[in-house]
């Protein structure tokens, strides 16, 4: 049985209504063809409104924010906001802001790995690896529901290596079927 595709897995798609604008605050970006300004990590983008929405969302490209158009948190923002921090946000609780931003970086990496594993489970030739793919997906999903402190201690690089090894094996199976 094939696994859910990212399109069928709402937890791996951004839901800005359930997030507190983490992608507009946590990461840094440098003035470039993709960003009209420099922004330090943890500094809110000047286009972020009080209700955590982008004030120029309908004209990001025209305003010089192509990087924002291409960015995908893979659902990490709403998970950090709603699950890890129980609906609290960095404006209401500035003392936890730094931790929230750091957790967002970890969660985004975990969610990217979950997307890759979910996509691999949609590939018929990868059938021999479905068990391993599902086990790793379940392990990472469980890790993504841990406390903020636990997430910050997580060895993401180790998980990335394991997923990479699995995906290379999937690639070999898919190419062998071509």
N, C-alpha and C. Protein backbone atom coordinates (compact mmCIF):
# COMPACT_ATOMS: atom_id res chain seq x y z
N UNK A 1 0.83 -1.18 0.00
CA UNK A 1 0.00 0.00 0.00
C UNK A 1 0.87 1.24 0.00
N UNK A 2 0.61 2.13 -0.90
CA UNK A 2 1.37 3.38 -0.98
C UNK A 2 1.02 4.28 0.18
N UNK A 3 1.95 5.16 0.52
CA UNK A 3 1.73 6.11 1.61
C UNK A 3 1.09 7.39 1.09
N UNK A 4 0.78 8.31 2.00
CA UNK A 4 0.15 9.56 1.60
C UNK A 4 1.14 10.46 0.87
N UNK A 5 0.68 11.11 -0.15
CA UNK A 5 1.53 12.10 -0.81
C UNK A 5 1.46 13.38 0.02
N UNK A 6 2.42 14.29 -0.15
CA UNK A 6 2.37 15.54 0.60
C UNK A 6 1.05 16.29 0.37
N UNK A 7 0.49 16.15 -0.83
CA UNK A 7 -0.78 16.82 -1.11
C UNK A 7 -1.91 16.25 -0.25
N UNK A 8 -1.79 14.98 0.11
CA UNK A 8 -2.82 14.32 0.92
C UNK A 8 -2.53 14.40 2.41
N UNK A 9 -1.38 14.92 2.79
CA UNK A 9 -0.96 14.99 4.18
C UNK A 9 -0.97 16.46 4.61
N UNK A 10 -2.09 16.93 5.16
CA UNK A 10 -2.20 18.36 5.48
C UNK A 10 -1.16 18.85 6.48
N UNK A 11 -0.62 17.95 7.29
CA UNK A 11 0.39 18.35 8.25
C UNK A 11 1.71 18.75 7.62
N UNK A 12 1.90 18.45 6.35
CA UNK A 12 3.14 18.79 5.66
C UNK A 12 2.96 19.94 4.69
N UNK A 13 1.85 20.61 4.79
CA UNK A 13 1.59 21.79 3.96
C UNK A 13 1.43 22.99 4.88
N UNK A 14 1.95 24.14 4.48
CA UNK A 14 1.82 25.33 5.34
C UNK A 14 0.36 25.70 5.57
N UNK A 15 0.07 26.11 6.79
CA UNK A 15 -1.25 26.61 7.17
C UNK A 15 -1.00 27.91 7.94
N UNK A 16 -0.84 28.99 7.20
CA UNK A 16 -0.47 30.28 7.78
C UNK A 16 -1.48 30.78 8.80
N UNK A 17 -2.72 30.37 8.68
CA UNK A 17 -3.75 30.78 9.64
C UNK A 17 -3.48 30.23 11.03
N UNK A 18 -2.72 29.13 11.13
CA UNK A 18 -2.46 28.49 12.41
C UNK A 18 -1.03 28.74 12.89
N UNK A 19 -0.33 29.67 12.26
CA UNK A 19 1.06 29.98 12.59
C UNK A 19 1.16 31.43 13.06
N UNK A 20 2.26 31.74 13.69
CA UNK A 20 2.49 33.12 14.17
C UNK A 20 3.60 33.79 13.37
N UNK A 21 3.61 33.56 12.07
CA UNK A 21 4.55 34.25 11.19
C UNK A 21 5.99 33.85 11.38
N UNK A 22 6.25 32.62 11.77
CA UNK A 22 7.62 32.20 12.07
C UNK A 22 8.57 32.36 10.89
N UNK A 23 8.09 32.08 9.68
CA UNK A 23 8.97 32.21 8.51
C UNK A 23 9.33 33.66 8.21
N UNK A 24 8.57 34.59 8.77
CA UNK A 24 8.82 36.02 8.57
C UNK A 24 9.68 36.61 9.67
N UNK A 25 10.04 35.79 10.66
CA UNK A 25 10.81 36.29 11.79
C UNK A 25 12.07 35.47 12.00
N UNK A 26 11.94 34.15 12.11
CA UNK A 26 13.06 33.29 12.52
C UNK A 26 14.27 33.36 11.59
N UNK A 27 14.11 33.14 10.28
CA UNK A 27 15.31 33.10 9.43
C UNK A 27 15.83 34.50 9.09
N UNK A 28 17.11 34.53 8.77
CA UNK A 28 17.73 35.74 8.24
C UNK A 28 17.63 35.70 6.73
N UNK A 29 17.70 36.85 6.11
CA UNK A 29 17.91 36.89 4.67
C UNK A 29 18.69 38.14 4.31
N UNK A 30 19.38 38.05 3.19
CA UNK A 30 20.25 39.14 2.74
C UNK A 30 19.67 39.77 1.48
N UNK A 31 19.86 41.06 1.39
CA UNK A 31 19.43 41.80 0.21
C UNK A 31 20.06 41.13 -1.02
N UNK A 32 19.21 40.78 -1.96
CA UNK A 32 19.64 40.03 -3.14
C UNK A 32 18.51 40.10 -4.16
N UNK A 33 18.67 39.43 -5.31
CA UNK A 33 17.55 39.38 -6.26
C UNK A 33 16.30 38.73 -5.66
N UNK A 34 16.47 37.93 -4.58
CA UNK A 34 15.32 37.26 -3.96
C UNK A 34 14.72 38.02 -2.78
N UNK A 35 15.48 38.94 -2.22
CA UNK A 35 14.99 39.70 -1.05
C UNK A 35 15.39 41.17 -1.19
N UNK A 36 14.43 42.05 -1.01
CA UNK A 36 14.66 43.48 -1.20
C UNK A 36 15.43 44.13 -0.05
N UNK A 37 15.55 43.42 1.06
CA UNK A 37 16.20 43.99 2.25
C UNK A 37 17.06 42.94 2.96
N UNK A 38 17.89 43.44 3.87
CA UNK A 38 18.59 42.56 4.80
C UNK A 38 17.71 42.38 6.03
N UNK A 39 17.69 41.18 6.59
CA UNK A 39 16.94 40.93 7.82
C UNK A 39 17.74 39.97 8.68
N UNK A 40 17.94 40.33 9.93
CA UNK A 40 18.66 39.45 10.86
C UNK A 40 17.72 38.36 11.37
N UNK A 41 18.30 37.21 11.81
CA UNK A 41 17.45 36.16 12.38
C UNK A 41 16.77 36.66 13.65
N UNK A 42 15.50 36.33 13.80
CA UNK A 42 14.74 36.74 14.98
C UNK A 42 14.16 38.15 14.87
N UNK A 43 14.44 38.82 13.80
CA UNK A 43 13.91 40.17 13.56
C UNK A 43 12.70 40.04 12.64
N UNK A 44 11.55 40.58 13.06
CA UNK A 44 10.37 40.49 12.20
C UNK A 44 10.56 41.25 10.88
N UNK A 45 10.14 40.66 9.81
CA UNK A 45 10.13 41.35 8.52
C UNK A 45 9.24 42.58 8.67
N UNK A 46 9.64 43.72 8.11
CA UNK A 46 8.81 44.92 8.24
C UNK A 46 7.44 44.77 7.56
N UNK A 47 7.28 43.76 6.73
CA UNK A 47 5.99 43.54 6.06
C UNK A 47 5.05 42.66 6.86
N UNK A 48 5.51 42.13 7.99
CA UNK A 48 4.68 41.28 8.84
C UNK A 48 3.71 42.16 9.63
N UNK A 49 2.43 41.86 9.53
CA UNK A 49 1.42 42.67 10.22
C UNK A 49 1.22 42.17 11.65
N UNK A 50 0.47 42.90 12.43
CA UNK A 50 0.21 42.54 13.84
C UNK A 50 -0.51 41.19 13.95
N UNK A 51 -1.28 40.83 12.95
CA UNK A 51 -2.01 39.55 12.99
C UNK A 51 -1.23 38.42 12.31
N UNK A 52 0.09 38.61 12.18
CA UNK A 52 1.00 37.59 11.65
C UNK A 52 0.78 37.26 10.18
N UNK A 53 0.34 38.22 9.42
CA UNK A 53 0.15 38.03 7.98
C UNK A 53 1.13 38.93 7.23
N UNK A 54 1.35 38.60 5.98
CA UNK A 54 2.22 39.41 5.14
C UNK A 54 1.42 40.58 4.57
N UNK A 55 1.88 41.78 4.82
CA UNK A 55 1.19 42.97 4.33
C UNK A 55 1.31 43.18 2.84
N UNK A 56 2.24 42.47 2.20
CA UNK A 56 2.42 42.62 0.75
C UNK A 56 2.31 41.27 0.03
N UNK A 57 1.62 40.33 0.62
CA UNK A 57 1.55 38.97 0.07
C UNK A 57 1.11 38.95 -1.39
N UNK A 58 0.19 39.80 -1.76
CA UNK A 58 -0.33 39.81 -3.13
C UNK A 58 0.63 40.45 -4.13
N UNK A 59 1.72 41.02 -3.64
CA UNK A 59 2.68 41.66 -4.55
C UNK A 59 4.14 41.40 -4.14
N UNK A 60 4.38 40.23 -3.56
CA UNK A 60 5.73 39.88 -3.10
C UNK A 60 6.77 39.99 -4.22
N UNK A 61 6.49 39.41 -5.36
CA UNK A 61 7.47 39.46 -6.47
C UNK A 61 7.75 40.90 -6.88
N UNK A 62 6.71 41.67 -7.05
CA UNK A 62 6.87 43.06 -7.49
C UNK A 62 7.66 43.90 -6.48
N UNK A 63 7.55 43.56 -5.21
CA UNK A 63 8.24 44.30 -4.16
C UNK A 63 9.66 43.78 -3.92
N UNK A 64 10.07 42.74 -4.66
CA UNK A 64 11.43 42.22 -4.53
C UNK A 64 11.60 41.09 -3.54
N UNK A 65 10.53 40.35 -3.25
CA UNK A 65 10.58 39.25 -2.29
C UNK A 65 10.26 37.91 -2.95
N UNK A 66 10.97 37.60 -4.04
CA UNK A 66 10.77 36.32 -4.73
C UNK A 66 11.10 35.14 -3.82
N UNK A 67 12.05 35.32 -2.92
CA UNK A 67 12.42 34.25 -1.99
C UNK A 67 11.25 33.84 -1.11
N UNK A 68 10.42 34.80 -0.76
CA UNK A 68 9.24 34.49 0.07
C UNK A 68 8.23 33.67 -0.73
N UNK A 69 8.11 33.96 -2.01
CA UNK A 69 7.18 33.22 -2.85
C UNK A 69 7.61 31.77 -2.95
N UNK A 70 8.91 31.53 -3.04
CA UNK A 70 9.43 30.17 -3.22
C UNK A 70 9.53 29.39 -1.91
N UNK A 71 9.50 30.06 -0.79
CA UNK A 71 9.72 29.42 0.51
C UNK A 71 8.56 28.51 0.90
N UNK A 72 8.88 27.37 1.51
CA UNK A 72 7.87 26.44 2.00
C UNK A 72 8.35 25.92 3.35
N UNK A 73 7.55 26.09 4.38
CA UNK A 73 7.93 25.58 5.70
C UNK A 73 7.52 24.13 5.88
N UNK A 74 6.81 23.56 4.92
CA UNK A 74 6.36 22.16 4.96
C UNK A 74 5.48 21.89 6.19
N UNK A 75 4.76 22.92 6.66
CA UNK A 75 3.87 22.75 7.80
C UNK A 75 4.55 22.89 9.15
N UNK A 76 5.83 23.21 9.15
CA UNK A 76 6.56 23.34 10.42
C UNK A 76 6.05 24.51 11.26
N UNK A 77 5.66 25.58 10.62
CA UNK A 77 5.22 26.76 11.36
C UNK A 77 4.01 26.50 12.24
N UNK A 78 3.00 25.87 11.67
CA UNK A 78 1.81 25.62 12.47
C UNK A 78 2.05 24.56 13.54
N UNK A 79 2.95 23.58 13.27
CA UNK A 79 3.22 22.57 14.29
C UNK A 79 3.94 23.20 15.48
N UNK A 80 4.93 24.04 15.19
CA UNK A 80 5.65 24.72 16.28
C UNK A 80 4.69 25.59 17.08
N UNK A 81 3.86 26.35 16.38
CA UNK A 81 2.94 27.26 17.06
C UNK A 81 1.88 26.50 17.84
N UNK A 82 1.21 25.55 17.20
CA UNK A 82 0.05 24.90 17.81
C UNK A 82 0.40 23.74 18.73
N UNK A 83 1.42 22.97 18.39
CA UNK A 83 1.72 21.76 19.17
C UNK A 83 2.88 21.99 20.13
N UNK A 84 4.03 22.38 19.60
CA UNK A 84 5.19 22.55 20.47
C UNK A 84 4.97 23.63 21.51
N UNK A 85 4.36 24.74 21.11
CA UNK A 85 4.17 25.87 22.03
C UNK A 85 2.69 26.10 22.39
N UNK A 86 1.87 25.09 22.16
CA UNK A 86 0.47 25.09 22.60
C UNK A 86 -0.31 26.36 22.26
N UNK A 87 -0.12 26.87 21.05
CA UNK A 87 -0.89 28.03 20.59
C UNK A 87 -0.35 29.38 21.03
N UNK A 88 0.72 29.37 21.79
CA UNK A 88 1.33 30.64 22.20
C UNK A 88 2.15 31.20 21.05
N UNK A 89 2.44 32.48 21.11
CA UNK A 89 3.25 33.08 20.06
C UNK A 89 4.34 33.95 20.66
N UNK A 90 5.31 34.26 19.86
CA UNK A 90 6.49 35.00 20.28
C UNK A 90 6.19 36.43 20.71
N UNK A 91 5.12 37.02 20.23
CA UNK A 91 4.76 38.38 20.67
C UNK A 91 4.17 38.36 22.07
N UNK A 92 3.32 37.37 22.35
CA UNK A 92 2.70 37.26 23.68
C UNK A 92 3.71 36.82 24.73
N UNK A 93 4.69 36.03 24.32
CA UNK A 93 5.68 35.48 25.24
C UNK A 93 7.08 35.74 24.70
N UNK A 94 7.53 37.00 24.76
CA UNK A 94 8.85 37.30 24.19
C UNK A 94 9.99 36.51 24.83
N UNK A 95 9.81 36.07 26.09
CA UNK A 95 10.86 35.30 26.76
C UNK A 95 11.11 33.96 26.08
N UNK A 96 10.14 33.45 25.34
CA UNK A 96 10.33 32.16 24.66
C UNK A 96 10.61 32.35 23.17
N UNK A 97 10.70 33.58 22.70
CA UNK A 97 10.85 33.85 21.27
C UNK A 97 12.08 33.17 20.68
N UNK A 98 13.22 33.33 21.29
CA UNK A 98 14.45 32.76 20.75
C UNK A 98 14.34 31.24 20.64
N UNK A 99 13.82 30.61 21.68
CA UNK A 99 13.65 29.15 21.64
C UNK A 99 12.67 28.75 20.54
N UNK A 100 11.59 29.49 20.39
CA UNK A 100 10.60 29.19 19.37
C UNK A 100 11.23 29.28 17.98
N UNK A 101 12.04 30.29 17.75
CA UNK A 101 12.67 30.46 16.44
C UNK A 101 13.67 29.33 16.17
N UNK A 102 14.40 28.91 17.19
CA UNK A 102 15.35 27.81 17.02
C UNK A 102 14.61 26.50 16.75
N UNK A 103 13.53 26.27 17.46
CA UNK A 103 12.73 25.06 17.25
C UNK A 103 12.15 25.05 15.84
N UNK A 104 11.74 26.20 15.36
CA UNK A 104 11.20 26.29 14.00
C UNK A 104 12.24 25.80 12.98
N UNK A 105 13.50 26.18 13.16
CA UNK A 105 14.55 25.72 12.25
C UNK A 105 14.70 24.21 12.26
N UNK A 106 14.64 23.61 13.44
CA UNK A 106 14.72 22.15 13.56
C UNK A 106 13.48 21.51 12.93
N UNK A 107 12.31 22.05 13.26
CA UNK A 107 11.06 21.46 12.77
C UNK A 107 10.98 21.53 11.25
N UNK A 108 11.43 22.61 10.67
CA UNK A 108 11.39 22.71 9.22
C UNK A 108 12.23 21.62 8.57
N UNK A 109 13.39 21.35 9.15
CA UNK A 109 14.23 20.27 8.63
C UNK A 109 13.54 18.91 8.78
N UNK A 110 12.93 18.67 9.93
CA UNK A 110 12.21 17.41 10.13
C UNK A 110 11.07 17.27 9.13
N UNK A 111 10.32 18.35 8.93
CA UNK A 111 9.19 18.29 8.01
C UNK A 111 9.65 18.11 6.57
N UNK A 112 10.78 18.67 6.20
CA UNK A 112 11.31 18.44 4.85
C UNK A 112 11.61 16.95 4.67
N UNK A 113 12.22 16.34 5.69
CA UNK A 113 12.50 14.90 5.61
C UNK A 113 11.21 14.09 5.53
N UNK A 114 10.19 14.51 6.26
CA UNK A 114 8.89 13.83 6.20
C UNK A 114 8.28 13.93 4.81
N UNK A 115 8.44 15.08 4.17
CA UNK A 115 7.93 15.24 2.80
C UNK A 115 8.64 14.27 1.87
N UNK A 116 9.97 14.18 1.97
CA UNK A 116 10.73 13.28 1.10
C UNK A 116 10.30 11.83 1.31
N UNK A 117 10.15 11.43 2.57
CA UNK A 117 9.72 10.06 2.85
C UNK A 117 8.31 9.80 2.33
N UNK A 118 7.41 10.76 2.52
CA UNK A 118 6.04 10.61 2.00
C UNK A 118 6.03 10.47 0.49
N UNK A 119 6.87 11.26 -0.17
CA UNK A 119 6.94 11.17 -1.63
C UNK A 119 7.49 9.82 -2.07
N UNK A 120 8.50 9.31 -1.36
CA UNK A 120 9.08 8.02 -1.70
C UNK A 120 8.04 6.91 -1.58
N UNK A 121 7.13 7.06 -0.60
CA UNK A 121 6.08 6.05 -0.42
C UNK A 121 5.03 6.06 -1.53
N UNK A 122 5.09 7.02 -2.42
CA UNK A 122 4.15 7.05 -3.54
C UNK A 122 4.74 6.38 -4.78
N UNK A 123 5.99 5.95 -4.70
CA UNK A 123 6.67 5.37 -5.85
C UNK A 123 6.56 3.85 -5.84
N UNK A 124 5.85 3.32 -6.80
CA UNK A 124 5.64 1.88 -6.89
C UNK A 124 6.92 1.05 -6.85
N UNK A 125 7.95 1.42 -7.61
CA UNK A 125 9.16 0.61 -7.60
C UNK A 125 9.87 0.55 -6.24
N UNK A 126 9.51 1.44 -5.34
CA UNK A 126 10.14 1.47 -4.01
C UNK A 126 9.48 0.51 -3.03
N UNK A 127 8.55 -0.31 -3.50
CA UNK A 127 7.77 -1.20 -2.64
C UNK A 127 8.58 -2.03 -1.66
N UNK A 128 9.74 -2.48 -2.07
CA UNK A 128 10.57 -3.30 -1.17
C UNK A 128 11.05 -2.51 0.05
N UNK A 129 11.00 -1.20 -0.04
CA UNK A 129 11.48 -0.35 1.06
C UNK A 129 10.35 0.32 1.84
N UNK A 130 9.11 0.03 1.49
CA UNK A 130 7.99 0.70 2.17
C UNK A 130 8.06 0.55 3.68
N UNK A 131 8.39 -0.63 4.17
CA UNK A 131 8.48 -0.84 5.61
C UNK A 131 9.50 0.08 6.26
N UNK A 132 10.69 0.14 5.68
CA UNK A 132 11.75 1.01 6.20
C UNK A 132 11.35 2.49 6.10
N UNK A 133 10.74 2.85 4.97
CA UNK A 133 10.32 4.24 4.79
C UNK A 133 9.25 4.62 5.82
N UNK A 134 8.28 3.75 6.01
CA UNK A 134 7.22 4.02 7.00
C UNK A 134 7.77 4.12 8.41
N UNK A 135 8.69 3.22 8.75
CA UNK A 135 9.28 3.24 10.10
C UNK A 135 10.01 4.56 10.35
N UNK A 136 10.77 5.00 9.36
CA UNK A 136 11.51 6.26 9.53
C UNK A 136 10.54 7.43 9.57
N UNK A 137 9.52 7.40 8.74
CA UNK A 137 8.51 8.45 8.75
C UNK A 137 7.84 8.53 10.13
N UNK A 138 7.45 7.39 10.67
CA UNK A 138 6.80 7.37 11.99
C UNK A 138 7.75 7.84 13.09
N UNK A 139 9.02 7.47 12.98
CA UNK A 139 10.01 7.91 13.96
C UNK A 139 10.16 9.43 13.93
N UNK A 140 10.28 9.98 12.73
CA UNK A 140 10.44 11.43 12.61
C UNK A 140 9.18 12.18 13.02
N UNK A 141 8.03 11.63 12.67
CA UNK A 141 6.77 12.26 13.08
C UNK A 141 6.69 12.28 14.61
N UNK A 142 7.06 11.19 15.26
CA UNK A 142 7.05 11.15 16.73
C UNK A 142 8.05 12.17 17.28
N UNK A 143 9.21 12.26 16.70
CA UNK A 143 10.21 13.24 17.15
C UNK A 143 9.68 14.66 17.01
N UNK A 144 8.93 14.91 15.95
CA UNK A 144 8.43 16.26 15.71
C UNK A 144 7.38 16.69 16.73
N UNK A 145 6.90 15.75 17.52
CA UNK A 145 5.90 16.06 18.55
C UNK A 145 6.51 16.17 19.95
N UNK A 146 7.82 16.13 20.03
CA UNK A 146 8.51 16.23 21.31
C UNK A 146 8.50 17.67 21.82
N UNK A 147 8.98 17.85 23.03
CA UNK A 147 9.06 19.18 23.65
C UNK A 147 10.10 20.03 22.93
N UNK A 148 10.03 21.32 23.16
CA UNK A 148 10.99 22.24 22.56
C UNK A 148 12.42 21.87 22.95
N UNK A 149 12.64 21.60 24.22
CA UNK A 149 13.99 21.24 24.67
C UNK A 149 14.49 19.98 23.99
N UNK A 150 13.64 18.99 23.87
CA UNK A 150 14.03 17.73 23.22
C UNK A 150 14.32 17.97 21.75
N UNK A 151 13.51 18.77 21.08
CA UNK A 151 13.74 19.07 19.67
C UNK A 151 15.08 19.76 19.47
N UNK A 152 15.43 20.65 20.36
CA UNK A 152 16.70 21.38 20.21
C UNK A 152 17.92 20.48 20.45
N UNK A 153 17.73 19.37 21.12
CA UNK A 153 18.83 18.41 21.34
C UNK A 153 18.87 17.33 20.25
N UNK A 154 17.89 17.30 19.39
CA UNK A 154 17.79 16.27 18.37
C UNK A 154 18.96 16.33 17.39
N UNK A 155 19.49 15.20 17.05
CA UNK A 155 20.58 15.11 16.08
C UNK A 155 19.98 15.03 14.67
N UNK A 156 19.63 16.17 14.13
CA UNK A 156 18.97 16.22 12.82
C UNK A 156 19.90 15.70 11.73
N UNK A 157 21.19 15.99 11.84
CA UNK A 157 22.13 15.53 10.82
C UNK A 157 22.13 14.01 10.71
N UNK A 158 22.03 13.33 11.82
CA UNK A 158 21.97 11.87 11.81
C UNK A 158 20.71 11.38 11.10
N UNK A 159 19.59 12.01 11.40
CA UNK A 159 18.34 11.64 10.72
C UNK A 159 18.43 11.93 9.22
N UNK A 160 19.04 13.04 8.89
CA UNK A 160 19.18 13.40 7.47
C UNK A 160 20.02 12.34 6.74
N UNK A 161 21.09 11.87 7.37
CA UNK A 161 21.92 10.83 6.75
C UNK A 161 21.11 9.55 6.55
N UNK A 162 20.33 9.15 7.55
CA UNK A 162 19.52 7.93 7.43
C UNK A 162 18.49 8.06 6.30
N UNK A 163 17.83 9.20 6.25
CA UNK A 163 16.84 9.42 5.18
C UNK A 163 17.53 9.45 3.83
N UNK A 164 18.67 10.09 3.76
CA UNK A 164 19.41 10.15 2.50
C UNK A 164 19.76 8.74 2.03
N UNK A 165 20.24 7.90 2.94
CA UNK A 165 20.57 6.52 2.57
C UNK A 165 19.33 5.79 2.02
N UNK A 166 18.20 5.95 2.71
CA UNK A 166 16.96 5.33 2.23
C UNK A 166 16.58 5.85 0.85
N UNK A 167 16.67 7.16 0.67
CA UNK A 167 16.26 7.75 -0.60
C UNK A 167 17.19 7.34 -1.75
N UNK A 168 18.47 7.15 -1.45
CA UNK A 168 19.38 6.65 -2.48
C UNK A 168 18.98 5.23 -2.90
N UNK A 169 18.57 4.43 -1.94
CA UNK A 169 18.11 3.07 -2.25
C UNK A 169 16.82 3.13 -3.07
N UNK A 170 15.92 4.05 -2.71
CA UNK A 170 14.70 4.23 -3.50
C UNK A 170 15.06 4.63 -4.92
N UNK A 171 15.96 5.55 -5.06
CA UNK A 171 16.39 6.01 -6.38
C UNK A 171 16.92 4.85 -7.23
N UNK A 172 17.72 4.00 -6.61
CA UNK A 172 18.25 2.84 -7.34
C UNK A 172 17.10 1.95 -7.84
N UNK A 173 16.11 1.71 -6.98
CA UNK A 173 14.97 0.87 -7.38
C UNK A 173 14.17 1.51 -8.50
N UNK A 174 13.94 2.80 -8.39
CA UNK A 174 13.16 3.50 -9.43
C UNK A 174 13.91 3.50 -10.76
N UNK A 175 15.21 3.78 -10.70
CA UNK A 175 16.00 3.79 -11.94
C UNK A 175 16.11 2.40 -12.56
N UNK A 176 16.14 1.38 -11.73
CA UNK A 176 16.21 0.00 -12.25
C UNK A 176 14.94 -0.37 -13.00
N UNK A 177 13.82 0.26 -12.67
CA UNK A 177 12.53 0.00 -13.33
C UNK A 177 12.38 0.77 -14.63
N UNK A 178 13.25 1.77 -14.84
CA UNK A 178 13.12 2.62 -16.05
C UNK A 178 13.65 1.94 -17.30
